[in-house]
C-alpha atoms as a PDB file:
ATOM      1  CA  MET A   1      -9.542   0.886  24.314  1.00  0.00           C
ATOM      2  CA  ARG A   2     -11.307   4.034  23.174  1.00  0.00           C
ATOM      3  CA  GLN A   3     -15.053   4.081  22.768  1.00  0.00           C
ATOM      4  CA  GLN A   4     -16.247   4.206  19.180  1.00  0.00           C
ATOM      5  CA  THR A   5     -18.651   6.886  18.073  1.00  0.00           C
ATOM      6  CA  LEU A   6     -22.045   6.025  16.709  1.00  0.00           C
ATOM      7  CA  ALA A   7     -20.993   6.946  13.171  1.00  0.00           C
ATOM      8  CA  VAL A   8     -17.970   4.635  13.283  1.00  0.00           C
ATOM      9  CA  ALA A   9     -19.897   1.801  14.889  1.00  0.00           C
ATOM     10  CA  ALA A  10     -22.477   1.914  12.090  1.00  0.00           C
ATOM     11  CA  ASP A  11     -19.748   1.531   9.411  1.00  0.00           C
ATOM     12  CA  GLY A  12     -20.006   5.161   8.375  1.00  0.00           C
ATOM     13  CA  SER A  13     -23.667   4.932   7.449  1.00  0.00           C
ATOM     14  CA  PHE A  14     -24.232   8.451   8.801  1.00  0.00           C
ATOM     15  CA  GLU A  15     -21.458   9.890   6.625  1.00  0.00           C
ATOM     16  CA  LYS A  16     -23.866  10.532   3.749  1.00  0.00           C
ATOM     17  CA  TYR A  17     -25.937  12.844   5.975  1.00  0.00           C
ATOM     18  CA  ARG A  18     -22.956  14.954   7.034  1.00  0.00           C
ATOM     19  CA  LYS A  19     -22.996  18.580   5.910  1.00  0.00           C
ATOM     20  CA  ALA A  20     -19.997  19.706   3.859  1.00  0.00           C
ATOM     21  CA  THR A  21     -17.795  22.230   5.648  1.00  0.00           C
ATOM     22  CA  ARG A  22     -17.060  25.652   4.179  1.00  0.00           C
ATOM     23  CA  ARG A  23     -13.500  24.490   3.502  1.00  0.00           C
ATOM     24  CA  GLU A  24     -14.669  21.394   1.579  1.00  0.00           C
ATOM     25  CA  VAL A  25     -17.091  23.484  -0.485  1.00  0.00           C
ATOM     26  CA  PHE A  26     -14.377  26.047  -1.274  1.00  0.00           C
ATOM     27  CA  LEU A  27     -11.779  23.427  -2.239  1.00  0.00           C
ATOM     28  CA  GLY A  28     -14.324  21.611  -4.394  1.00  0.00           C
ATOM     29  CA  GLU A  29     -15.090  24.811  -6.287  1.00  0.00           C
ATOM     30  CA  MET A  30     -11.384  25.593  -6.705  1.00  0.00           C
ATOM     31  CA  ASP A  31     -10.722  22.089  -8.079  1.00  0.00           C
ATOM     32  CA  ARG A  32     -13.513  22.627 -10.583  1.00  0.00           C
ATOM     33  CA  ILE A  33     -12.374  26.123 -11.660  1.00  0.00           C
ATOM     34  CA  VAL A  34      -8.549  26.087 -11.531  1.00  0.00           C
ATOM     35  CA  PRO A  35      -6.674  23.846 -14.008  1.00  0.00           C
ATOM     36  CA  CYS A  36      -4.093  22.480 -11.520  1.00  0.00           C
ATOM     37  CA  GLU A  37      -2.371  20.177 -14.025  1.00  0.00           C
ATOM     38  CA  ARG A  38      -1.672  23.014 -16.450  1.00  0.00           C
ATOM     39  CA  LEU A  39      -0.486  25.329 -13.669  1.00  0.00           C
ATOM     40  CA  SER A  40       1.872  22.752 -12.198  1.00  0.00           C
ATOM     41  CA  ALA A  41       3.300  22.067 -15.672  1.00  0.00           C
ATOM     42  CA  LEU A  42       4.088  25.789 -16.062  1.00  0.00           C
ATOM     43  CA  VAL A  43       5.666  26.028 -12.613  1.00  0.00           C
ATOM     44  CA  GLU A  44       7.738  22.891 -13.169  1.00  0.00           C
ATOM     45  CA  LEU A  45       9.518  24.530 -16.111  1.00  0.00           C
ATOM     46  CA  ARG A  46      10.928  27.243 -13.808  1.00  0.00           C
ATOM     47  CA  TYR A  47      11.346  25.120 -10.684  1.00  0.00           C
ATOM     48  CA  PRO A  48      14.990  24.451  -9.739  1.00  0.00           C
ATOM     49  CA  LYS A  49      16.363  21.021 -10.616  1.00  0.00           C
ATOM     50  CA  ALA A  50      18.430  18.873  -8.261  1.00  0.00           C
ATOM     51  CA  GLY A  51      22.142  19.332  -8.731  1.00  0.00           C
ATOM     52  CA  ASN A  52      24.874  21.095  -6.837  1.00  0.00           C
ATOM     53  CA  GLY A  53      23.862  22.602  -3.533  1.00  0.00           C
ATOM     54  CA  ARG A  54      20.665  22.274  -1.585  1.00  0.00           C
ATOM     55  CA  ARG A  55      17.955  19.922  -2.854  1.00  0.00           C
ATOM     56  CA  PRO A  56      14.706  21.645  -3.916  1.00  0.00           C
ATOM     57  CA  ASP A  57      11.453  20.883  -2.085  1.00  0.00           C
ATOM     58  CA  PRO A  58       9.018  18.664  -3.993  1.00  0.00           C
END
């Protein structure tokens, strides 16, 4: 059995004091700025459909 950390043992009560990483800050800003739903709708029009040959990646 692995030893639990203090943060896990306290039911994540220290999670609210954790500093956001640079990656989390960047991705949060990108989610706010870039309209992902509209972009994926435009890409889906040109994305290959399943049929003969190799299946496309999702």
